[in-house]
Amino acid sequence: MAKTPAERQRQLRLRRRSEPEGAVQLSVMIRLTASVKLHRLARFHGLTKRATIERIIAEAEGTAVAGMVDAAVEAYYRSW
């Protein structure tokens, strides 16, 4: 028997949760211009939009942490 859209969506979410590093769904509204830029960046680097966002976040965090003193770095990583 065919699955309903809700059943397919539930299975997709369950699959995503079982990823090695875990995954969460991020739902945000962004400007059209930002969406276009994200699409272009992803295509340019041969990545998915998800991988592009993860890469941007990792690079931004690395830049932020690089400018911190040791105590601030420790506090930053404990803040989650």
N, C-alpha and C. Protein backbone atom coordinates (compact mmCIF):
# COMPACT_ATOMS: atom_id res chain seq x y z
N MET A 1 0.83 -1.17 0.00
CA MET A 1 0.00 0.00 0.00
C MET A 1 0.89 1.26 0.00
N ALA A 2 0.50 2.26 -0.72
CA ALA A 2 1.26 3.51 -0.82
C ALA A 2 1.25 4.26 0.51
N LYS A 3 2.35 4.93 0.77
CA LYS A 3 2.45 5.70 2.01
C LYS A 3 1.88 7.10 1.79
N THR A 4 1.34 7.64 2.85
CA THR A 4 0.84 9.01 2.79
C THR A 4 2.03 9.96 2.87
N PRO A 5 1.86 11.21 2.45
CA PRO A 5 2.95 12.17 2.60
C PRO A 5 3.44 12.30 4.04
N ALA A 6 2.53 12.25 5.00
CA ALA A 6 2.92 12.34 6.40
C ALA A 6 3.80 11.16 6.81
N GLU A 7 3.49 9.96 6.32
CA GLU A 7 4.30 8.78 6.64
C GLU A 7 5.69 8.89 6.02
N ARG A 8 5.75 9.38 4.79
CA ARG A 8 7.05 9.55 4.14
C ARG A 8 7.89 10.59 4.87
N GLN A 9 7.26 11.68 5.29
CA GLN A 9 7.96 12.73 6.02
C GLN A 9 8.48 12.21 7.35
N ARG A 10 7.68 11.42 8.04
CA ARG A 10 8.09 10.84 9.32
C ARG A 10 9.31 9.95 9.13
N GLN A 11 9.31 9.11 8.10
CA GLN A 11 10.45 8.25 7.83
C GLN A 11 11.70 9.06 7.51
N LEU A 12 11.55 10.14 6.75
CA LEU A 12 12.69 10.99 6.42
C LEU A 12 13.28 11.60 7.68
N ARG A 13 12.43 12.10 8.56
CA ARG A 13 12.92 12.68 9.81
C ARG A 13 13.61 11.65 10.69
N LEU A 14 13.09 10.44 10.73
CA LEU A 14 13.73 9.38 11.51
C LEU A 14 15.10 9.02 10.93
N ARG A 15 15.20 8.97 9.61
CA ARG A 15 16.49 8.69 8.96
C ARG A 15 17.50 9.77 9.29
N ARG A 16 17.07 11.01 9.25
CA ARG A 16 17.97 12.13 9.53
C ARG A 16 18.48 12.10 10.96
N ARG A 17 17.63 11.68 11.90
CA ARG A 17 18.05 11.60 13.30
C ARG A 17 19.10 10.53 13.53
N SER A 18 19.13 9.53 12.66
CA SER A 18 20.08 8.43 12.86
C SER A 18 21.40 8.68 12.16
N GLU A 19 21.63 9.88 11.65
CA GLU A 19 22.90 10.21 11.01
C GLU A 19 24.01 10.15 12.07
N PRO A 20 25.25 9.82 11.65
CA PRO A 20 26.35 9.66 12.61
C PRO A 20 26.54 10.86 13.54
N GLU A 21 26.46 12.06 13.04
CA GLU A 21 26.66 13.24 13.88
C GLU A 21 25.34 13.79 14.41
N GLY A 22 24.25 13.14 14.09
CA GLY A 22 22.94 13.64 14.49
C GLY A 22 22.55 14.80 13.58
N ALA A 23 21.32 15.12 13.57
CA ALA A 23 20.84 16.22 12.74
C ALA A 23 19.60 16.83 13.38
N VAL A 24 19.45 18.11 13.17
CA VAL A 24 18.25 18.80 13.61
C VAL A 24 17.70 19.56 12.42
N GLN A 25 16.42 19.76 12.43
CA GLN A 25 15.81 20.52 11.35
C GLN A 25 15.86 22.00 11.70
N LEU A 26 16.35 22.80 10.77
CA LEU A 26 16.45 24.23 10.95
C LEU A 26 15.44 24.89 10.01
N SER A 27 14.51 25.60 10.57
CA SER A 27 13.48 26.22 9.76
C SER A 27 13.53 27.73 9.98
N VAL A 28 13.99 28.46 8.98
CA VAL A 28 14.10 29.92 9.08
C VAL A 28 13.65 30.56 7.78
N MET A 29 13.22 31.79 7.90
CA MET A 29 12.91 32.59 6.72
C MET A 29 14.12 33.50 6.48
N ILE A 30 14.62 33.50 5.24
CA ILE A 30 15.72 34.39 4.88
C ILE A 30 15.30 35.20 3.66
N ARG A 31 16.00 36.29 3.44
CA ARG A 31 15.70 37.12 2.28
C ARG A 31 15.97 36.36 0.99
N LEU A 32 15.25 36.71 -0.04
CA LEU A 32 15.44 36.10 -1.35
C LEU A 32 16.88 36.25 -1.81
N THR A 33 17.46 37.42 -1.59
CA THR A 33 18.84 37.63 -2.03
C THR A 33 19.81 36.68 -1.32
N ALA A 34 19.58 36.42 -0.04
CA ALA A 34 20.43 35.49 0.69
C ALA A 34 20.25 34.07 0.16
N SER A 35 19.02 33.71 -0.18
CA SER A 35 18.75 32.39 -0.73
C SER A 35 19.46 32.19 -2.07
N VAL A 36 19.44 33.22 -2.90
CA VAL A 36 20.12 33.15 -4.20
C VAL A 36 21.62 33.01 -3.99
N LYS A 37 22.17 33.77 -3.05
CA LYS A 37 23.60 33.68 -2.76
C LYS A 37 23.98 32.30 -2.24
N LEU A 38 23.15 31.74 -1.37
CA LEU A 38 23.40 30.40 -0.85
C LEU A 38 23.40 29.38 -2.00
N HIS A 39 22.43 29.49 -2.87
CA HIS A 39 22.34 28.58 -4.02
C HIS A 39 23.60 28.69 -4.89
N ARG A 40 24.03 29.93 -5.18
CA ARG A 40 25.22 30.12 -6.00
C ARG A 40 26.46 29.56 -5.34
N LEU A 41 26.62 29.83 -4.03
CA LEU A 41 27.79 29.31 -3.30
C LEU A 41 27.82 27.79 -3.33
N ALA A 42 26.67 27.19 -3.09
CA ALA A 42 26.59 25.73 -3.07
C ALA A 42 26.98 25.15 -4.44
N ARG A 43 26.43 25.72 -5.50
CA ARG A 43 26.75 25.23 -6.85
C ARG A 43 28.23 25.44 -7.17
N PHE A 44 28.77 26.61 -6.80
CA PHE A 44 30.17 26.92 -7.08
C PHE A 44 31.11 25.92 -6.43
N HIS A 45 30.81 25.55 -5.19
CA HIS A 45 31.67 24.62 -4.45
C HIS A 45 31.29 23.16 -4.66
N GLY A 46 30.21 22.92 -5.40
CA GLY A 46 29.77 21.54 -5.63
C GLY A 46 29.23 20.88 -4.39
N LEU A 47 28.58 21.66 -3.54
CA LEU A 47 28.04 21.17 -2.28
C LEU A 47 26.53 21.31 -2.26
N THR A 48 25.92 20.66 -1.29
CA THR A 48 24.50 20.88 -1.05
C THR A 48 24.35 22.19 -0.26
N LYS A 49 23.14 22.70 -0.20
CA LYS A 49 22.91 23.90 0.61
C LYS A 49 23.22 23.61 2.07
N ARG A 50 22.85 22.42 2.51
CA ARG A 50 23.13 22.04 3.89
C ARG A 50 24.62 22.06 4.17
N ALA A 51 25.40 21.43 3.30
CA ALA A 51 26.85 21.39 3.48
C ALA A 51 27.45 22.80 3.42
N THR A 52 26.90 23.64 2.58
CA THR A 52 27.38 25.01 2.46
C THR A 52 27.12 25.78 3.75
N ILE A 53 25.93 25.66 4.30
CA ILE A 53 25.60 26.33 5.56
C ILE A 53 26.51 25.83 6.68
N GLU A 54 26.70 24.51 6.76
CA GLU A 54 27.57 23.95 7.79
C GLU A 54 29.00 24.45 7.65
N ARG A 55 29.47 24.57 6.42
CA ARG A 55 30.82 25.06 6.17
C ARG A 55 30.95 26.53 6.59
N ILE A 56 29.97 27.34 6.24
CA ILE A 56 29.99 28.76 6.60
C ILE A 56 30.00 28.92 8.12
N ILE A 57 29.19 28.15 8.81
CA ILE A 57 29.13 28.22 10.27
C ILE A 57 30.47 27.81 10.88
N ALA A 58 31.05 26.72 10.38
CA ALA A 58 32.34 26.24 10.91
C ALA A 58 33.43 27.29 10.70
N GLU A 59 33.46 27.90 9.52
CA GLU A 59 34.47 28.92 9.24
C GLU A 59 34.27 30.16 10.12
N ALA A 60 33.01 30.57 10.30
CA ALA A 60 32.73 31.74 11.14
C ALA A 60 33.11 31.48 12.59
N GLU A 61 32.82 30.27 13.07
CA GLU A 61 33.17 29.94 14.46
C GLU A 61 34.68 29.91 14.61
N GLY A 62 35.37 29.34 13.64
CA GLY A 62 36.83 29.30 13.70
C GLY A 62 37.43 30.70 13.75
N THR A 63 36.88 31.60 12.97
CA THR A 63 37.35 32.99 12.97
C THR A 63 37.08 33.65 14.32
N ALA A 64 35.90 33.42 14.86
CA ALA A 64 35.55 34.02 16.16
C ALA A 64 36.45 33.51 17.27
N VAL A 65 36.67 32.21 17.30
CA VAL A 65 37.48 31.60 18.36
C VAL A 65 38.94 32.00 18.24
N ALA A 66 39.42 32.18 17.03
CA ALA A 66 40.82 32.54 16.81
C ALA A 66 41.16 33.88 17.46
N GLY A 67 40.19 34.76 17.61
CA GLY A 67 40.44 36.06 18.21
C GLY A 67 40.21 36.11 19.71
N MET A 68 39.97 34.98 20.33
CA MET A 68 39.67 34.94 21.77
C MET A 68 40.89 34.51 22.58
N VAL A 69 40.92 34.94 23.83
CA VAL A 69 41.92 34.44 24.77
C VAL A 69 41.42 33.10 25.31
N ASP A 70 42.29 32.33 25.92
CA ASP A 70 41.95 30.97 26.37
C ASP A 70 40.70 30.89 27.23
N ALA A 71 40.57 31.79 28.20
CA ALA A 71 39.41 31.75 29.10
C ALA A 71 38.12 31.99 28.31
N ALA A 72 38.16 32.88 27.35
CA ALA A 72 36.97 33.17 26.55
C ALA A 72 36.62 31.97 25.67
N VAL A 73 37.62 31.28 25.16
CA VAL A 73 37.38 30.09 24.34
C VAL A 73 36.70 29.02 25.18
N GLU A 74 37.20 28.80 26.38
CA GLU A 74 36.59 27.81 27.27
C GLU A 74 35.15 28.19 27.60
N ALA A 75 34.91 29.44 27.89
CA ALA A 75 33.55 29.90 28.21
C ALA A 75 32.64 29.75 26.99
N TYR A 76 33.19 30.04 25.82
CA TYR A 76 32.42 29.93 24.58
C TYR A 76 31.95 28.49 24.38
N TYR A 77 32.85 27.53 24.51
CA TYR A 77 32.49 26.13 24.28
C TYR A 77 31.60 25.56 25.39
N ARG A 78 31.65 26.14 26.57
CA ARG A 78 30.76 25.69 27.65
C ARG A 78 29.37 26.30 27.52
N SER A 79 29.21 27.30 26.67
CA SER A 79 27.93 28.03 26.60
C SER A 79 26.80 27.22 25.97
N TRP A 80 27.03 26.10 25.41
CA TRP A 80 25.95 25.31 24.82
C TRP A 80 25.39 24.40 25.80
